[in-house]
Every structure is written in C-alpha cells, then in structure tokens.
Full PDB file with SEQRES, HELIX, SHEET, SSBOND, CRYST1, ORIGX, SCALE, CONECT and MASTER records, all heavy atoms in Angstrom:
SEQRES   1 A   33  TYR TYR ALA SER VAL PHE TYR ALA TYR PHE ALA SER LEU          
SEQRES   2 A   33  GLY LEU ASP LEU THR PRO GLU GLU SER SER ASN HIS GLY          
SEQRES   3 A   33  ARG LEU ASP MET ALA LEU ARG                                  
HELIX    1 AA1 TYR A    2  ALA A   11  1                                  10    
HELIX    2 AA2 SER A   23  HIS A   25  5                                   3    
SHEET    1 AA1 2 LEU A  17  PRO A  19  0                                        
SHEET    2 AA1 2 MET A  30  LEU A  32 -1                                        
CRYST1    1.000    1.000    1.000  90.00  90.00  90.00 P 1           1          
ORIGX1      1.000000  0.000000  0.000000        0.00000                         
ORIGX2      0.000000  1.000000  0.000000        0.00000                         
ORIGX3      0.000000  0.000000  1.000000        0.00000                         
SCALE1      1.000000  0.000000  0.000000        0.00000                         
SCALE2      0.000000  1.000000  0.000000        0.00000                         
SCALE3      0.000000  0.000000  1.000000        0.00000                         
ATOM      1  N   TYR A   1       8.737   8.745  -3.568  1.00  0.00           N  
ATOM      2  CA  TYR A   1       9.829   8.500  -2.618  1.00  0.00           C  
ATOM      3  C   TYR A   1       9.524   9.067  -1.235  1.00  0.00           C  
ATOM      4  O   TYR A   1       9.632   8.377  -0.225  1.00  0.00           O  
ATOM      5  CB  TYR A   1      11.128   9.096  -3.162  1.00  0.00           C  
ATOM      6  CG  TYR A   1      12.249   9.142  -2.152  1.00  0.00           C  
ATOM      7  CD1 TYR A   1      12.917   7.977  -1.777  1.00  0.00           C  
ATOM      8  CD2 TYR A   1      12.652  10.342  -1.565  1.00  0.00           C  
ATOM      9  CE1 TYR A   1      13.948   8.006  -0.852  1.00  0.00           C  
ATOM     10  CE2 TYR A   1      13.670  10.380  -0.639  1.00  0.00           C  
ATOM     11  CZ  TYR A   1      14.319   9.217  -0.281  1.00  0.00           C  
ATOM     12  OH  TYR A   1      15.334   9.250   0.648  1.00  0.00           O  
ATOM     13  N   TYR A   2       9.128  10.325  -1.177  1.00  0.00           N  
ATOM     14  CA  TYR A   2       8.953  10.977   0.117  1.00  0.00           C  
ATOM     15  C   TYR A   2       7.853  10.319   0.939  1.00  0.00           C  
ATOM     16  O   TYR A   2       8.009  10.047   2.135  1.00  0.00           O  
ATOM     17  CB  TYR A   2       8.647  12.468  -0.086  1.00  0.00           C  
ATOM     18  CG  TYR A   2       9.773  13.210  -0.761  1.00  0.00           C  
ATOM     19  CD1 TYR A   2       9.769  13.437  -2.134  1.00  0.00           C  
ATOM     20  CD2 TYR A   2      10.859  13.661  -0.021  1.00  0.00           C  
ATOM     21  CE1 TYR A   2      10.813  14.090  -2.757  1.00  0.00           C  
ATOM     22  CE2 TYR A   2      11.916  14.328  -0.633  1.00  0.00           C  
ATOM     23  CZ  TYR A   2      11.886  14.538  -2.006  1.00  0.00           C  
ATOM     24  OH  TYR A   2      12.927  15.174  -2.613  1.00  0.00           O  
ATOM     25  N   ALA A   3       6.707  10.062   0.310  1.00  0.00           N  
ATOM     26  CA  ALA A   3       5.610   9.430   1.025  1.00  0.00           C  
ATOM     27  C   ALA A   3       5.967   7.997   1.431  1.00  0.00           C  
ATOM     28  O   ALA A   3       5.578   7.529   2.508  1.00  0.00           O  
ATOM     29  CB  ALA A   3       4.351   9.433   0.167  1.00  0.00           C  
ATOM     30  N   SER A   4       6.722   7.290   0.587  1.00  0.00           N  
ATOM     31  CA  SER A   4       7.121   5.920   0.912  1.00  0.00           C  
ATOM     32  C   SER A   4       8.043   5.894   2.124  1.00  0.00           C  
ATOM     33  O   SER A   4       7.915   5.030   3.007  1.00  0.00           O  
ATOM     34  CB  SER A   4       7.803   5.261  -0.291  1.00  0.00           C  
ATOM     35  OG  SER A   4       6.871   4.927  -1.297  1.00  0.00           O  
ATOM     36  N   VAL A   5       9.001   6.822   2.172  1.00  0.00           N  
ATOM     37  CA  VAL A   5       9.900   6.898   3.328  1.00  0.00           C  
ATOM     38  C   VAL A   5       9.118   7.262   4.584  1.00  0.00           C  
ATOM     39  O   VAL A   5       9.339   6.706   5.666  1.00  0.00           O  
ATOM     40  CB  VAL A   5      11.034   7.913   3.060  1.00  0.00           C  
ATOM     41  CG1 VAL A   5      11.812   8.204   4.342  1.00  0.00           C  
ATOM     42  CG2 VAL A   5      11.981   7.378   1.988  1.00  0.00           C  
ATOM     43  N   PHE A   6       8.198   8.218   4.446  1.00  0.00           N  
ATOM     44  CA  PHE A   6       7.347   8.624   5.561  1.00  0.00           C  
ATOM     45  C   PHE A   6       6.589   7.404   6.097  1.00  0.00           C  
ATOM     46  O   PHE A   6       6.560   7.140   7.306  1.00  0.00           O  
ATOM     47  CB  PHE A   6       6.365   9.691   5.068  1.00  0.00           C  
ATOM     48  CG  PHE A   6       5.703  10.482   6.162  1.00  0.00           C  
ATOM     49  CD1 PHE A   6       6.203  11.712   6.555  1.00  0.00           C  
ATOM     50  CD2 PHE A   6       4.566  10.003   6.791  1.00  0.00           C  
ATOM     51  CE1 PHE A   6       5.586  12.445   7.550  1.00  0.00           C  
ATOM     52  CE2 PHE A   6       3.940  10.727   7.793  1.00  0.00           C  
ATOM     53  CZ  PHE A   6       4.457  11.961   8.180  1.00  0.00           C  
ATOM     54  N   TYR A   7       5.978   6.641   5.197  1.00  0.00           N  
ATOM     55  CA  TYR A   7       5.248   5.435   5.578  1.00  0.00           C  
ATOM     56  C   TYR A   7       6.177   4.414   6.242  1.00  0.00           C  
ATOM     57  O   TYR A   7       5.827   3.806   7.269  1.00  0.00           O  
ATOM     58  CB  TYR A   7       4.592   4.813   4.349  1.00  0.00           C  
ATOM     59  CG  TYR A   7       4.088   3.407   4.563  1.00  0.00           C  
ATOM     60  CD1 TYR A   7       2.838   3.170   5.129  1.00  0.00           C  
ATOM     61  CD2 TYR A   7       4.873   2.314   4.210  1.00  0.00           C  
ATOM     62  CE1 TYR A   7       2.385   1.881   5.339  1.00  0.00           C  
ATOM     63  CE2 TYR A   7       4.426   1.017   4.420  1.00  0.00           C  
ATOM     64  CZ  TYR A   7       3.189   0.801   4.987  1.00  0.00           C  
ATOM     65  OH  TYR A   7       2.748  -0.478   5.207  1.00  0.00           O  
ATOM     66  N   ALA A   8       7.369   4.209   5.666  1.00  0.00           N  
ATOM     67  CA  ALA A   8       8.296   3.193   6.181  1.00  0.00           C  
ATOM     68  C   ALA A   8       8.730   3.502   7.609  1.00  0.00           C  
ATOM     69  O   ALA A   8       8.958   2.578   8.398  1.00  0.00           O  
ATOM     70  CB  ALA A   8       9.512   3.082   5.268  1.00  0.00           C  
ATOM     71  N   TYR A   9       8.847   4.779   7.946  1.00  0.00           N  
ATOM     72  CA  TYR A   9       9.192   5.133   9.321  1.00  0.00           C  
ATOM     73  C   TYR A   9       8.134   4.605  10.287  1.00  0.00           C  
ATOM     74  O   TYR A   9       8.458   4.017  11.326  1.00  0.00           O  
ATOM     75  CB  TYR A   9       9.315   6.652   9.471  1.00  0.00           C  
ATOM     76  CG  TYR A   9      10.738   7.156   9.384  1.00  0.00           C  
ATOM     77  CD1 TYR A   9      11.173   7.902   8.309  1.00  0.00           C  
ATOM     78  CD2 TYR A   9      11.652   6.874  10.403  1.00  0.00           C  
ATOM     79  CE1 TYR A   9      12.476   8.367   8.226  1.00  0.00           C  
ATOM     80  CE2 TYR A   9      12.961   7.335  10.328  1.00  0.00           C  
ATOM     81  CZ  TYR A   9      13.368   8.083   9.241  1.00  0.00           C  
ATOM     82  OH  TYR A   9      14.660   8.523   9.172  1.00  0.00           O  
ATOM     83  N   PHE A  10       6.867   4.808   9.966  1.00  0.00           N  
ATOM     84  CA  PHE A  10       5.789   4.343  10.832  1.00  0.00           C  
ATOM     85  C   PHE A  10       5.725   2.810  10.843  1.00  0.00           C  
ATOM     86  O   PHE A  10       5.568   2.179  11.892  1.00  0.00           O  
ATOM     87  CB  PHE A  10       4.454   4.919  10.365  1.00  0.00           C  
ATOM     88  CG  PHE A  10       4.263   6.372  10.690  1.00  0.00           C  
ATOM     89  CD1 PHE A  10       4.809   7.363   9.882  1.00  0.00           C  
ATOM     90  CD2 PHE A  10       3.541   6.764  11.798  1.00  0.00           C  
ATOM     91  CE1 PHE A  10       4.636   8.705  10.174  1.00  0.00           C  
ATOM     92  CE2 PHE A  10       3.354   8.105  12.101  1.00  0.00           C  
ATOM     93  CZ  PHE A  10       3.909   9.084  11.289  1.00  0.00           C  
ATOM     94  N   ALA A  11       5.840   2.195   9.657  1.00  0.00           N  
ATOM     95  CA  ALA A  11       5.750   0.737   9.557  1.00  0.00           C  
ATOM     96  C   ALA A  11       6.912   0.048  10.264  1.00  0.00           C  
ATOM     97  O   ALA A  11       6.752  -1.045  10.831  1.00  0.00           O  
ATOM     98  CB  ALA A  11       5.706   0.321   8.089  1.00  0.00           C  
ATOM     99  N   SER A  12       8.089   0.669  10.251  1.00  0.00           N  
ATOM    100  CA  SER A  12       9.254   0.060  10.895  1.00  0.00           C  
ATOM    101  C   SER A  12       9.102  -0.006  12.409  1.00  0.00           C  
ATOM    102  O   SER A  12       9.852  -0.723  13.081  1.00  0.00           O  
ATOM    103  CB  SER A  12      10.520   0.838  10.531  1.00  0.00           C  
ATOM    104  OG  SER A  12      10.503   2.141  11.106  1.00  0.00           O  
ATOM    105  N   LEU A  13       8.145   0.742  12.950  1.00  0.00           N  
ATOM    106  CA  LEU A  13       7.827   0.665  14.379  1.00  0.00           C  
ATOM    107  C   LEU A  13       6.749  -0.375  14.664  1.00  0.00           C  
ATOM    108  O   LEU A  13       6.359  -0.580  15.808  1.00  0.00           O  
ATOM    109  CB  LEU A  13       7.360   2.035  14.890  1.00  0.00           C  
ATOM    110  CG  LEU A  13       8.425   3.131  14.955  1.00  0.00           C  
ATOM    111  CD1 LEU A  13       7.788   4.474  15.248  1.00  0.00           C  
ATOM    112  CD2 LEU A  13       9.482   2.802  15.992  1.00  0.00           C  
ATOM    113  N   GLY A  14       6.244  -1.005  13.605  1.00  0.00           N  
ATOM    114  CA  GLY A  14       5.208  -2.020  13.772  1.00  0.00           C  
ATOM    115  C   GLY A  14       3.853  -1.443  14.111  1.00  0.00           C  
ATOM    116  O   GLY A  14       2.993  -2.136  14.659  1.00  0.00           O  
ATOM    117  N   LEU A  15       3.624  -0.176  13.768  1.00  0.00           N  
ATOM    118  CA  LEU A  15       2.362   0.477  14.111  1.00  0.00           C  
ATOM    119  C   LEU A  15       1.224  -0.027  13.222  1.00  0.00           C  
ATOM    120  O   LEU A  15       1.452  -0.534  12.120  1.00  0.00           O  
ATOM    121  CB  LEU A  15       2.512   1.996  13.976  1.00  0.00           C  
ATOM    122  CG  LEU A  15       3.571   2.637  14.893  1.00  0.00           C  
ATOM    123  CD1 LEU A  15       3.643   4.138  14.654  1.00  0.00           C  
ATOM    124  CD2 LEU A  15       3.256   2.342  16.359  1.00  0.00           C  
ATOM    125  N   ASP A  16       0.004   0.159  13.710  1.00  0.00           N  
ATOM    126  CA  ASP A  16      -1.194  -0.349  13.032  1.00  0.00           C  
ATOM    127  C   ASP A  16      -1.602   0.619  11.916  1.00  0.00           C  
ATOM    128  O   ASP A  16      -2.373   1.546  12.128  1.00  0.00           O  
ATOM    129  CB  ASP A  16      -2.324  -0.511  14.047  1.00  0.00           C  
ATOM    130  CG  ASP A  16      -3.595  -1.099  13.440  1.00  0.00           C  
ATOM    131  OD1 ASP A  16      -3.560  -1.477  12.258  1.00  0.00           O  
ATOM    132  OD2 ASP A  16      -4.615  -1.163  14.155  1.00  0.00           O  
ATOM    133  N   LEU A  17      -1.071   0.380  10.735  1.00  0.00           N  
ATOM    134  CA  LEU A  17      -1.343   1.242   9.580  1.00  0.00           C  
ATOM    135  C   LEU A  17      -2.320   0.562   8.632  1.00  0.00           C  
ATOM    136  O   LEU A  17      -2.276  -0.653   8.445  1.00  0.00           O  
ATOM    137  CB  LEU A  17      -0.049   1.546   8.817  1.00  0.00           C  
ATOM    138  CG  LEU A  17       1.051   2.291   9.567  1.00  0.00           C  
ATOM    139  CD1 LEU A  17       2.279   2.430   8.677  1.00  0.00           C  
ATOM    140  CD2 LEU A  17       0.583   3.651  10.021  1.00  0.00           C  
ATOM    141  N   THR A  18      -3.164   1.369   8.016  1.00  0.00           N  
ATOM    142  CA  THR A  18      -4.028   0.882   6.935  1.00  0.00           C  
ATOM    143  C   THR A  18      -3.766   1.758   5.723  1.00  0.00           C  
ATOM    144  O   THR A  18      -4.379   2.812   5.552  1.00  0.00           O  
ATOM    145  CB  THR A  18      -5.518   0.957   7.315  1.00  0.00           C  
ATOM    146  OG1 THR A  18      -5.729   0.252   8.540  1.00  0.00           O  
ATOM    147  CG2 THR A  18      -6.379   0.344   6.220  1.00  0.00           C  
ATOM    148  N   PRO A  19      -2.811   1.363   4.895  1.00  0.00           N  
ATOM    149  CA  PRO A  19      -2.552   2.152   3.689  1.00  0.00           C  
ATOM    150  C   PRO A  19      -3.565   1.831   2.611  1.00  0.00           C  
ATOM    151  O   PRO A  19      -3.982   0.678   2.448  1.00  0.00           O  
ATOM    152  CB  PRO A  19      -1.149   1.692   3.280  1.00  0.00           C  
ATOM    153  CG  PRO A  19      -1.055   0.301   3.799  1.00  0.00           C  
ATOM    154  CD  PRO A  19      -1.895   0.242   5.046  1.00  0.00           C  
ATOM    155  N   GLU A  20      -3.983   2.834   1.887  1.00  0.00           N  
ATOM    156  CA  GLU A  20      -4.890   2.639   0.768  1.00  0.00           C  
ATOM    157  C   GLU A  20      -4.099   2.840  -0.520  1.00  0.00           C  
ATOM    158  O   GLU A  20      -2.883   2.931  -0.509  1.00  0.00           O  
ATOM    159  CB  GLU A  20      -6.048   3.652   0.854  1.00  0.00           C  
ATOM    160  CG  GLU A  20      -6.831   3.601   2.152  1.00  0.00           C  
ATOM    161  CD  GLU A  20      -7.756   2.399   2.251  1.00  0.00           C  
ATOM    162  OE1 GLU A  20      -7.968   1.748   1.204  1.00  0.00           O  
ATOM    163  OE2 GLU A  20      -8.243   2.117   3.352  1.00  0.00           O  
ATOM    164  N   GLU A  21      -4.817   2.940  -1.620  1.00  0.00           N  
ATOM    165  CA  GLU A  21      -4.150   3.251  -2.875  1.00  0.00           C  
ATOM    166  C   GLU A  21      -3.687   4.697  -2.851  1.00  0.00           C  
ATOM    167  O   GLU A  21      -4.173   5.520  -2.071  1.00  0.00           O  
ATOM    168  CB  GLU A  21      -5.095   3.012  -4.051  1.00  0.00           C  
ATOM    169  CG  GLU A  21      -5.451   1.550  -4.239  1.00  0.00           C  
ATOM    170  CD  GLU A  21      -6.349   1.312  -5.428  1.00  0.00           C  
ATOM    171  OE1 GLU A  21      -6.812   2.311  -6.009  1.00  0.00           O  
ATOM    172  OE2 GLU A  21      -6.585   0.157  -5.766  1.00  0.00           O  
ATOM    173  N   SER A  22      -2.741   5.031  -3.738  1.00  0.00           N  
ATOM    174  CA  SER A  22      -2.195   6.382  -3.756  1.00  0.00           C  
ATOM    175  C   SER A  22      -3.275   7.404  -4.092  1.00  0.00           C  
ATOM    176  O   SER A  22      -4.329   7.083  -4.622  1.00  0.00           O  
ATOM    177  CB  SER A  22      -1.055   6.472  -4.781  1.00  0.00           C  
ATOM    178  OG  SER A  22      -1.489   6.034  -6.045  1.00  0.00           O  
ATOM    179  N   SER A  23      -3.018   8.659  -3.796  1.00  0.00           N  
ATOM    180  CA  SER A  23      -4.038   9.699  -3.870  1.00  0.00           C  
ATOM    181  C   SER A  23      -4.624   9.894  -5.261  1.00  0.00           C  
ATOM    182  O   SER A  23      -5.756  10.334  -5.396  1.00  0.00           O  
ATOM    183  CB  SER A  23      -3.476  11.026  -3.367  1.00  0.00           C  
ATOM    184  OG  SER A  23      -2.336  11.403  -4.112  1.00  0.00           O  
ATOM    185  N   ASN A  24      -3.885   9.576  -6.293  1.00  0.00           N  
ATOM    186  CA  ASN A  24      -4.443   9.774  -7.636  1.00  0.00           C  
ATOM    187  C   ASN A  24      -5.538   8.754  -7.956  1.00  0.00           C  
ATOM    188  O   ASN A  24      -6.191   8.844  -8.983  1.00  0.00           O  
ATOM    189  CB  ASN A  24      -3.336   9.730  -8.704  1.00  0.00           C  
ATOM    190  CG  ASN A  24      -2.663   8.379  -8.781  1.00  0.00           C  
ATOM    191  OD1 ASN A  24      -2.776   7.585  -7.851  1.00  0.00           O  
ATOM    192  ND2 ASN A  24      -1.951   8.118  -9.848  1.00  0.00           N  
ATOM    193  N   HIS A  25      -5.755   7.773  -7.032  1.00  0.00           N  
ATOM    194  CA  HIS A  25      -6.887   6.862  -7.171  1.00  0.00           C  
ATOM    195  C   HIS A  25      -8.065   7.332  -6.315  1.00  0.00           C  
ATOM    196  O   HIS A  25      -9.075   6.635  -6.227  1.00  0.00           O  
ATOM    197  CB  HIS A  25      -6.482   5.442  -6.741  1.00  0.00           C  
ATOM    198  CG  HIS A  25      -5.534   4.786  -7.700  1.00  0.00           C  
ATOM    199  ND1 HIS A  25      -4.179   4.799  -7.520  1.00  0.00           N  
ATOM    200  CD2 HIS A  25      -5.751   4.116  -8.851  1.00  0.00           C  
ATOM    201  CE1 HIS A  25      -3.592   4.152  -8.517  1.00  0.00           C  
ATOM    202  NE2 HIS A  25      -4.527   3.725  -9.337  1.00  0.00           N  
ATOM    203  N   GLY A  26      -7.874   8.469  -5.669  1.00  0.00           N  
ATOM    204  CA  GLY A  26      -8.970   9.041  -4.917  1.00  0.00           C  
ATOM    205  C   GLY A  26      -9.193   8.424  -3.553  1.00  0.00           C  
ATOM    206  O   GLY A  26     -10.306   8.477  -3.031  1.00  0.00           O  
ATOM    207  N   ARG A  27      -8.189   7.832  -2.945  1.00  0.00           N  
ATOM    208  CA  ARG A  27      -8.348   7.229  -1.633  1.00  0.00           C  
ATOM    209  C   ARG A  27      -7.340   7.824  -0.655  1.00  0.00           C  
ATOM    210  O   ARG A  27      -6.291   8.315  -1.049  1.00  0.00           O  
ATOM    211  CB  ARG A  27      -8.159   5.707  -1.701  1.00  0.00           C  
ATOM    212  CG  ARG A  27      -9.221   5.010  -2.523  1.00  0.00           C  
ATOM    213  CD  ARG A  27      -9.068   3.508  -2.417  1.00  0.00           C  
ATOM    214  NE  ARG A  27     -10.058   2.806  -3.231  1.00  0.00           N  
ATOM    215  CZ  ARG A  27     -10.141   1.485  -3.316  1.00  0.00           C  
ATOM    216  NH1 ARG A  27      -9.314   0.728  -2.633  1.00  0.00           N  
ATOM    217  NH2 ARG A  27     -11.056   0.927  -4.082  1.00  0.00           N  
ATOM    218  N   LEU A  28      -7.689   7.724   0.617  1.00  0.00           N  
ATOM    219  CA  LEU A  28      -6.796   8.197   1.655  1.00  0.00           C  
ATOM    220  C   LEU A  28      -5.471   7.444   1.578  1.00  0.00           C  
ATOM    221  O   LEU A  28      -5.442   6.237   1.391  1.00  0.00           O  
ATOM    222  CB  LEU A  28      -7.443   7.957   3.022  1.00  0.00           C  
ATOM    223  CG  LEU A  28      -6.628   8.346   4.254  1.00  0.00           C  
ATOM    224  CD1 LEU A  28      -6.547   9.862   4.355  1.00  0.00           C  
ATOM    225  CD2 LEU A  28      -7.272   7.751   5.511  1.00  0.00           C  
ATOM    226  N   ASP A  29      -4.389   8.172   1.756  1.00  0.00           N  
ATOM    227  CA  ASP A  29      -3.080   7.528   1.629  1.00  0.00           C  
ATOM    228  C   ASP A  29      -2.750   6.617   2.805  1.00  0.00           C  
ATOM    229  O   ASP A  29      -2.216   5.531   2.624  1.00  0.00           O  
ATOM    230  CB  ASP A  29      -1.985   8.589   1.493  1.00  0.00           C  
ATOM    231  CG  ASP A  29      -1.933   9.170   0.090  1.00  0.00           C  
ATOM    232  OD1 ASP A  29      -2.328   8.467  -0.845  1.00  0.00           O  
ATOM    233  OD2 ASP A  29      -1.505  10.316  -0.065  1.00  0.00           O  
ATOM    234  N   MET A  30      -3.083   7.050   4.036  1.00  0.00           N  
ATOM    235  CA  MET A  30      -2.671   6.238   5.177  1.00  0.00           C  
ATOM    236  C   MET A  30      -3.507   6.555   6.413  1.00  0.00           C  
ATOM    237  O   MET A  30      -3.725   7.725   6.736  1.00  0.00           O  
ATOM    238  CB  MET A  30      -1.188   6.491   5.491  1.00  0.00           C  
ATOM    239  CG  MET A  30      -0.597   5.570   6.547  1.00  0.00           C  
ATOM    240  SD  MET A  30       1.198   5.809   6.703  1.00  0.00           S  
ATOM    241  CE  MET A  30       1.245   7.194   7.855  1.00  0.00           C  
ATOM    242  N   ALA A  31      -3.990   5.510   7.074  1.00  0.00           N  
ATOM    243  CA  ALA A  31      -4.676   5.651   8.351  1.00  0.00           C  
ATOM    244  C   ALA A  31      -3.857   4.934   9.416  1.00  0.00           C  
ATOM    245  O   ALA A  31      -3.364   3.821   9.194  1.00  0.00           O  
ATOM    246  CB  ALA A  31      -6.083   5.064   8.284  1.00  0.00           C  
ATOM    247  N   LEU A  32      -3.709   5.593  10.574  1.00  0.00           N  
ATOM    248  CA  LEU A  32      -2.950   5.028  11.681  1.00  0.00           C  
ATOM    249  C   LEU A  32      -3.847   4.951  12.911  1.00  0.00           C  
ATOM    250  O   LEU A  32      -4.487   5.945  13.288  1.00  0.00           O  
ATOM    251  CB  LEU A  32      -1.731   5.908  11.993  1.00  0.00           C  
ATOM    252  CG  LEU A  32      -1.029   5.671  13.337  1.00  0.00           C  
ATOM    253  CD1 LEU A  32      -0.374   4.293  13.367  1.00  0.00           C  
ATOM    254  CD2 LEU A  32       0.010   6.766  13.585  1.00  0.00           C  
ATOM    255  N   ARG A  33      -3.911   3.777  13.512  1.00  0.00           N  
ATOM    256  CA  ARG A  33      -4.594   3.612  14.800  1.00  0.00           C  
ATOM    257  C   ARG A  33      -3.520   3.447  15.865  1.00  0.00           C  
ATOM    258  O   ARG A  33      -2.728   2.500  15.822  1.00  0.00           O  
ATOM    259  CB  ARG A  33      -5.516   2.395  14.767  1.00  0.00           C  
ATOM    260  CG  ARG A  33      -6.730   2.562  13.869  1.00  0.00           C  
ATOM    261  CD  ARG A  33      -7.548   1.284  13.781  1.00  0.00           C  
ATOM    262  NE  ARG A  33      -8.777   1.463  13.029  1.00  0.00           N  
ATOM    263  CZ  ARG A  33      -8.862   1.422  11.698  1.00  0.00           C  
ATOM    264  NH1 ARG A  33      -7.760   1.210  10.973  1.00  0.00           N  
ATOM    265  NH2 ARG A  33     -10.013   1.596  11.078  1.00  0.00           N  
TER     266      ARG A  33                                                      
MASTER        0    0    0    2    2    0    0    6  265    1    0    3          
END                                                                             
C-alpha cells in the first residue's frame, strides 16, 4: 500500500517513471527521470 501510494503521487503528475518489479524480485522499485 505505502509504496503504491508513493508511486501514484509521482505518476499522477505525469512524470517519467520506470517502475520495475517489486523488490523481492531483486529489481529497483522505481526510477524517475
């Protein structure tokens, strides 16, 4: 929930996000340019 809300705040601004798989898959959670 917390990470999803955090992500939604950035996405709701239309920012250039590159979300990966969640951390338990061993990948970065979110990249923002």
